[in-house]
Protein backbone atom coordinates (compact mmCIF):
# COMPACT_ATOMS: atom_id res chain seq x y z
CA UNK A 1 89.85 175.55 95.47
CA UNK A 2 88.89 175.41 91.79
CA UNK A 3 88.24 178.31 89.76
CA UNK A 4 85.42 178.68 87.05
CA UNK A 5 86.40 178.76 83.63
CA UNK A 6 83.65 181.40 82.55
CA UNK A 7 82.95 185.10 83.37
CA UNK A 8 80.95 185.64 86.34
CA UNK A 9 79.05 188.45 84.66
CA UNK A 10 78.20 189.08 81.05
CA UNK A 11 80.34 192.17 79.79
CA UNK A 12 80.98 192.27 75.92
CA UNK A 13 83.65 194.66 74.90
CA UNK A 14 81.94 195.62 71.71
CA UNK A 15 84.90 197.78 70.28
CA UNK A 16 87.26 194.64 70.72
CA UNK A 17 84.75 192.35 69.32
CA UNK A 18 84.10 194.34 66.15
CA UNK A 19 87.84 195.07 65.56
CA UNK A 20 88.61 191.41 65.71
CA UNK A 21 85.80 190.42 63.68
CA UNK A 22 86.88 192.82 60.92
CA UNK A 23 90.36 191.32 60.93
CA UNK A 24 89.32 187.59 61.31
CA UNK A 25 90.05 185.84 57.99
CA UNK A 26 88.31 182.86 56.46
CA UNK A 27 89.90 179.91 58.21
CA UNK A 28 88.27 177.21 56.38
CA UNK A 29 91.31 175.96 54.66
CA UNK A 30 93.48 176.22 57.90
CA UNK A 31 90.90 174.03 59.60
CA UNK A 32 91.31 171.45 56.77
CA UNK A 33 95.06 171.29 57.40
CA UNK A 34 94.78 170.83 61.00
CA UNK A 35 92.04 168.36 60.48
CA UNK A 36 94.38 166.28 58.05
CA UNK A 37 97.02 166.49 60.71
CA UNK A 38 94.74 165.54 63.54
CA UNK A 39 94.92 161.92 62.22
CA UNK A 40 97.58 160.16 63.91
CA UNK A 41 99.01 158.12 60.90
CA UNK A 42 98.98 161.20 58.64
CA UNK A 43 100.78 163.23 61.47
CA UNK A 44 103.24 160.45 61.82
CA UNK A 45 103.80 160.35 58.07
CA UNK A 46 104.43 164.25 58.10
CA UNK A 47 106.89 164.17 60.98
CA UNK A 48 108.75 161.19 59.20
CA UNK A 49 108.97 163.60 56.27
CA UNK A 50 110.70 165.95 58.49
CA UNK A 51 113.35 163.54 59.31
CA UNK A 52 113.90 162.34 56.06
CA UNK A 53 113.25 164.90 53.26
CA UNK A 54 111.87 162.35 50.75
CA UNK A 55 110.34 158.90 51.16
CA UNK A 56 108.71 156.47 48.81
CA UNK A 57 105.27 154.83 49.46
CA UNK A 58 107.03 151.53 50.28
CA UNK A 59 109.26 153.17 52.86
CA UNK A 60 106.12 155.09 54.39
CA UNK A 61 104.12 151.83 54.60
CA UNK A 62 107.00 150.33 56.63
CA UNK A 63 107.24 153.34 58.92
CA UNK A 64 103.42 153.44 59.75
CA UNK A 65 103.25 149.45 59.62
CA UNK A 66 100.42 149.48 57.19
CA UNK A 67 99.96 148.12 53.46
CA UNK A 68 101.18 150.26 50.84
CA UNK A 69 97.60 150.84 49.74
CA UNK A 70 96.90 152.39 53.32
CA UNK A 71 100.18 154.43 53.03
CA UNK A 72 99.24 155.64 49.53
CA UNK A 73 95.88 156.77 50.53
CA UNK A 74 97.01 158.89 53.39
CA UNK A 75 99.96 160.40 51.19
CA UNK A 76 97.48 161.20 48.56
CA UNK A 77 95.16 162.92 51.20
CA UNK A 78 98.26 165.12 52.31
CA UNK A 79 98.91 165.88 48.65
CA UNK A 80 95.33 166.82 47.85
CA UNK A 81 95.64 169.31 50.67
CA UNK A 82 98.88 170.73 49.51
CA UNK A 83 100.88 169.38 52.57
CA UNK A 84 102.93 166.92 50.62
CA UNK A 85 103.88 166.74 46.95
CA UNK A 86 105.10 163.61 44.95
CA UNK A 87 107.14 162.78 42.22
CA UNK A 88 107.79 159.61 40.13
CA UNK A 89 111.21 157.88 39.65
CA UNK A 90 110.97 155.06 37.52
CA UNK A 91 108.36 152.36 39.11
CA UNK A 92 108.48 154.13 42.49
CA UNK A 93 106.44 157.21 43.77
CA UNK A 94 108.29 159.69 46.45
CA UNK A 95 106.78 162.10 48.78
CA UNK A 96 108.06 165.04 50.41
CA UNK A 97 106.51 167.69 52.43
CA UNK A 98 105.10 170.61 50.11
CA UNK A 99 107.31 173.19 51.64
CA UNK A 100 108.93 174.61 54.65
CA UNK A 101 105.82 175.84 56.23
CA UNK A 102 104.42 172.39 56.64
CA UNK A 103 107.82 171.19 58.11
CA UNK A 104 107.80 173.85 60.73
CA UNK A 105 104.14 173.55 61.54
CA UNK A 106 104.75 169.62 62.27
CA UNK A 107 108.03 170.37 64.19
CA UNK A 108 106.55 173.16 66.28
CA UNK A 109 103.21 171.17 66.98
CA UNK A 110 105.48 168.37 68.35
CA UNK A 111 107.57 170.72 70.53
CA UNK A 112 104.69 172.13 71.85
CA UNK A 113 103.04 168.84 72.63
CA UNK A 114 106.24 167.84 74.38
CA UNK A 115 106.34 170.89 76.50
CA UNK A 116 102.94 170.75 77.43
CA UNK A 117 103.29 167.13 78.20
CA UNK A 118 106.11 168.08 80.62
CA UNK A 119 103.87 170.58 82.21
CA UNK A 120 100.97 168.10 82.47
CA UNK A 121 103.38 165.67 84.01
CA UNK A 122 104.56 168.23 86.68
CA UNK A 123 101.03 169.04 87.60
CA UNK A 124 100.06 165.53 87.85
CA UNK A 125 103.15 164.92 90.32
CA UNK A 126 102.09 167.99 92.31
CA UNK A 127 98.51 166.46 92.62
CA UNK A 128 99.87 163.02 93.57
CA UNK A 129 102.36 164.43 96.27
CA UNK A 130 99.87 166.67 98.03
């Protein structure tokens, strides 16, 4: 039997709603971060930068199997949103994640996806075997 994902009656808990609304910050910048990381290529780049602390644009282009122009475009986007930082060393430009928050965000999101993937796989197996 399937349950509905909505309330069967409308009952707004006004005190709770008002309390949450007062405490709810502006999440516009946070949404931009998630929007940037929602792109699979940029997320792959960010994850690569959790493995190797610093990568040059040429290395990133090889990792994501793209041109250096494409890699540079994605890296610049991450830098503009303060998710990555860059430094020039001679003729090369190296990128790293902006700070430990970004590093943790990427790692935690990946761990969550793996755990949820295992649950999804288990639920699929249960449906198949019944």
